[in-house]
Structure formats: structure tokens, C-alpha cells
Amino acid sequence: MEKHIGDFMRIVRCTNYFRTQKMADSGITGIQCTYLLCINRTPGISQEQLASQLYKDKSVIARHLASLESNGYIHREPDPKDRRVQKLYLTAKAEELLPRIREVFHEWNQVLYDGFSDEEILLLSSMLRRLYSNAELALGHPEHLAERCPAPEQAPPAASRKETGT
């Protein structure tokens, strides 16, 4: 079982590396792509909410958001109800980048699903959702199940994947 978790972690590292390479000219990292998609999905999300939803340390989130802000991808506005809370919003520059980010995510999904049948993809997706649900419940955050950021992507249909005959 532990080997499988290690495999998942290697896939996550490969995913972020791939995204970072593809987005290098924009100055954002693979994980920052995820932040932008999450902020787009929930405009006005707070830094603390973002950290909670993504299970990231607040200081890591703070550094990444500072970089995104200095590069002109996000801006912060104080919450009128609590001036200590900063709400996060995308800038026009970030909104222009969203289609490219989505294309990079789609391209990576095609890489990962290469050679899988539609049935295998559905089974894998179902099992991964169960693992995710178990993890959320174990951490006491079942509310996050409906708040996943970014929104889960659909697997590319078999016709758009390179078939390997397996």
C-alpha cells in the first residue's frame, strides 16, 4: 500500500514539474496555476480559505501569492466585514492566461491517460475519488469535497488520446 502512495506523490511532483516547464515564460509555477484556477472558481476567496482547501501551509501560500501579486496576476482587497482578511481576485492578465493553463492541464491529462481505455479511466477516477473522500473525512474536512480546487477535469475521450493498443 505504501508503495502506491509513493507512486501518487511522484505523479504529483511530475505534474507540477510539467506545468512549471510549460508555463515558464509566464513566470508562474505549476502549483501557482492551481491557485489561479481556484481563485477564478471562487473570486474573493481568502488566503486562509485557499490554504485550507489546498492543504498547503499558510506561509507557503503567502509566498506564492506575493509572487503572483508582484507579477500582476492577482490583487487583494480587504474584506469589508473584517479588514484583517484579504480577499483574492484575478487580474485581467491572469484571466488572459486561464485558457493556456487549462490547455496545459488537458495536455498533461492526455499524457497520463495514454493507453487507458475509457472503462479503465472511469474505474481509476472512481477509486481516486474514494481515496480523496477517505482522506478528507480522516482530516475532518468533508466540506472540502464540494469545494475542490481546481474543478476536476474530465479525462479526454479515447478518440482524442493516442491509443497504444493496450
Protein backbone atom coordinates (compact mmCIF):
# COMPACT_ATOMS: atom_id res chain seq x y z
CA MET A 1 0.00 0.00 0.00
CA GLU A 2 2.75 2.47 0.92
CA LYS A 3 4.37 1.99 -2.48
CA HIS A 4 1.16 3.14 -4.13
CA ILE A 5 1.12 6.33 -2.07
CA GLY A 6 4.71 6.94 -3.12
CA ASP A 7 3.64 6.49 -6.73
CA PHE A 8 0.90 9.09 -6.25
CA MET A 9 3.42 11.52 -4.79
CA ARG A 10 5.79 11.01 -7.75
CA ILE A 11 2.91 11.69 -10.15
CA VAL A 12 2.10 14.92 -8.27
CA ARG A 13 5.75 16.03 -8.47
CA CYS A 14 5.87 15.18 -12.19
CA THR A 15 2.61 17.08 -12.70
CA ASN A 16 3.90 20.25 -11.08
CA TYR A 17 7.22 19.96 -12.93
CA PHE A 18 5.43 19.56 -16.29
CA ARG A 19 3.17 22.55 -15.59
CA THR A 20 6.11 24.68 -14.45
CA GLN A 21 8.05 23.86 -17.62
CA LYS A 22 5.08 24.65 -19.85
CA MET A 23 4.36 27.94 -18.06
CA ALA A 24 7.99 29.04 -17.56
CA ASP A 25 7.72 32.07 -19.84
CA SER A 26 4.78 33.40 -17.79
CA GLY A 27 6.71 33.42 -14.52
CA ILE A 28 4.30 31.13 -12.68
CA THR A 29 4.87 27.67 -11.31
CA GLY A 30 2.76 24.56 -11.69
CA ILE A 31 1.25 24.93 -8.23
CA GLN A 32 0.54 28.62 -8.86
CA CYS A 33 -1.56 27.53 -11.86
CA THR A 34 -3.73 25.67 -9.37
CA TYR A 35 -4.01 28.79 -7.18
CA LEU A 36 -5.15 30.86 -10.16
CA LEU A 37 -7.79 28.28 -11.12
CA CYS A 38 -9.03 28.13 -7.55
CA ILE A 39 -9.23 31.93 -7.23
CA ASN A 40 -11.04 32.03 -10.58
CA ARG A 41 -13.52 29.44 -9.35
CA THR A 42 -14.07 31.30 -6.07
CA PRO A 43 -13.42 35.03 -6.57
CA GLY A 44 -12.89 36.73 -3.23
CA ILE A 45 -11.56 33.61 -1.52
CA SER A 46 -9.33 34.45 1.43
CA GLN A 47 -5.72 33.34 1.75
CA GLU A 48 -6.68 31.17 4.71
CA GLN A 49 -9.53 29.51 2.77
CA LEU A 50 -7.18 28.84 -0.15
CA ALA A 51 -4.60 27.26 2.17
CA SER A 52 -7.28 25.12 3.78
CA GLN A 53 -8.78 23.92 0.50
CA LEU A 54 -5.39 23.07 -0.98
CA TYR A 55 -3.89 21.65 2.22
CA LYS A 56 -0.93 23.99 1.95
CA ASP A 57 0.95 25.68 4.75
CA LYS A 58 -0.14 29.31 5.14
CA SER A 59 3.43 30.59 4.81
CA VAL A 60 3.92 28.71 1.53
CA ILE A 61 0.64 30.11 0.21
CA ALA A 62 1.67 33.61 1.34
CA ARG A 63 4.97 33.42 -0.58
CA HIS A 64 3.32 32.13 -3.75
CA LEU A 65 0.55 34.73 -3.58
CA ALA A 66 3.10 37.51 -3.04
CA SER A 67 4.87 36.35 -6.20
CA LEU A 68 1.60 36.19 -8.14
CA GLU A 69 0.71 39.67 -6.92
CA SER A 70 4.11 41.17 -7.78
CA ASN A 71 3.88 39.63 -11.25
CA GLY A 72 0.45 41.20 -11.76
CA TYR A 73 -1.68 38.04 -11.71
CA ILE A 74 -3.74 38.68 -8.59
CA HIS A 75 -4.82 41.58 -6.44
CA ARG A 76 -6.07 41.68 -2.88
CA GLU A 77 -8.92 43.65 -1.42
CA PRO A 78 -9.74 43.98 2.26
CA ASP A 79 -12.91 42.24 3.34
CA PRO A 80 -15.41 44.98 4.30
CA LYS A 81 -16.64 42.79 7.19
CA ASP A 82 -13.15 42.10 8.56
CA ARG A 83 -10.33 44.39 7.39
CA ARG A 84 -7.73 41.84 8.56
CA VAL A 85 -8.90 39.42 5.86
CA GLN A 86 -7.67 39.97 2.31
CA LYS A 87 -9.89 38.71 -0.49
CA LEU A 88 -8.10 37.39 -3.58
CA TYR A 89 -9.05 38.23 -7.16
CA LEU A 90 -7.53 37.59 -10.56
CA THR A 91 -6.31 40.45 -12.69
CA ALA A 92 -7.06 40.75 -16.40
CA LYS A 93 -3.52 39.45 -17.02
CA ALA A 94 -4.35 36.23 -15.15
CA GLU A 95 -7.73 35.86 -16.84
CA GLU A 96 -5.98 36.00 -20.22
CA LEU A 97 -3.70 33.19 -19.07
CA LEU A 98 -6.50 30.84 -17.92
CA PRO A 99 -7.14 29.20 -21.33
CA ARG A 100 -3.44 28.38 -21.61
CA ILE A 101 -3.37 26.95 -18.08
CA ARG A 102 -6.39 24.79 -18.87
CA GLU A 103 -4.71 23.61 -22.06
CA VAL A 104 -1.58 22.62 -20.10
CA PHE A 105 -3.77 20.70 -17.62
CA HIS A 106 -5.56 18.99 -20.54
CA GLU A 107 -2.26 18.14 -22.24
CA TRP A 108 -0.94 16.54 -19.05
CA ASN A 109 -4.16 14.54 -18.64
CA GLN A 110 -3.69 13.20 -22.16
CA VAL A 111 -0.14 12.17 -21.26
CA LEU A 112 -1.29 10.38 -18.12
CA TYR A 113 -4.25 8.62 -19.74
CA ASP A 114 -2.35 7.46 -22.81
CA GLY A 115 -3.16 3.81 -23.48
CA PHE A 116 -6.03 3.62 -20.98
CA SER A 117 -9.49 2.56 -22.10
CA ASP A 118 -12.49 4.70 -21.18
CA GLU A 119 -13.57 1.98 -18.74
CA GLU A 120 -10.16 1.97 -17.04
CA ILE A 121 -10.27 5.76 -16.71
CA LEU A 122 -13.74 5.64 -15.15
CA LEU A 123 -12.64 2.94 -12.70
CA LEU A 124 -9.46 4.84 -11.79
CA SER A 125 -11.41 8.09 -11.35
CA SER A 126 -13.91 6.36 -9.09
CA MET A 127 -11.19 4.82 -6.94
CA LEU A 128 -9.25 8.09 -6.68
CA ARG A 129 -12.42 9.94 -5.64
CA ARG A 130 -12.93 7.34 -2.91
CA LEU A 131 -9.34 7.79 -1.72
CA TYR A 132 -9.81 11.56 -1.73
CA SER A 133 -13.08 11.25 0.17
CA ASN A 134 -11.46 9.00 2.78
CA ALA A 135 -8.59 11.47 3.18
CA GLU A 136 -10.97 14.43 3.55
CA LEU A 137 -13.08 12.61 6.14
CA ALA A 138 -10.00 11.49 8.09
CA LEU A 139 -8.80 15.09 8.26
CA GLY A 140 -12.21 16.28 9.39
CA HIS A 141 -12.90 18.33 6.25
CA PRO A 142 -15.84 16.67 4.46
CA GLU A 143 -16.99 20.16 3.38
CA HIS A 144 -13.98 20.33 1.05
CA LEU A 145 -15.37 17.52 -1.06
CA ALA A 146 -17.70 20.01 -2.76
CA GLU A 147 -15.07 22.79 -2.87
CA ARG A 148 -12.26 21.06 -4.74
CA CYS A 149 -9.97 23.49 -6.49
CA PRO A 150 -9.46 23.43 -9.33
CA ALA A 151 -12.57 21.73 -10.58
CA PRO A 152 -11.80 18.13 -11.52
CA GLU A 153 -11.04 17.73 -15.18
CA GLN A 154 -12.70 15.13 -17.32
CA ALA A 155 -10.49 12.52 -18.88
CA PRO A 156 -10.02 13.10 -22.59
CA PRO A 157 -12.19 10.77 -24.67
CA ALA A 158 -10.42 7.79 -26.19
CA ALA A 159 -10.68 9.31 -29.68
CA SER A 160 -8.51 12.27 -28.60
CA ARG A 161 -5.91 10.14 -26.81
CA LYS A 162 -3.08 8.38 -28.55
CA GLU A 163 -4.04 4.73 -28.39
CA THR A 164 -1.25 2.27 -27.71
CA GLY A 165 -3.20 -0.89 -28.36
CA THR A 166 -3.37 -1.93 -24.72
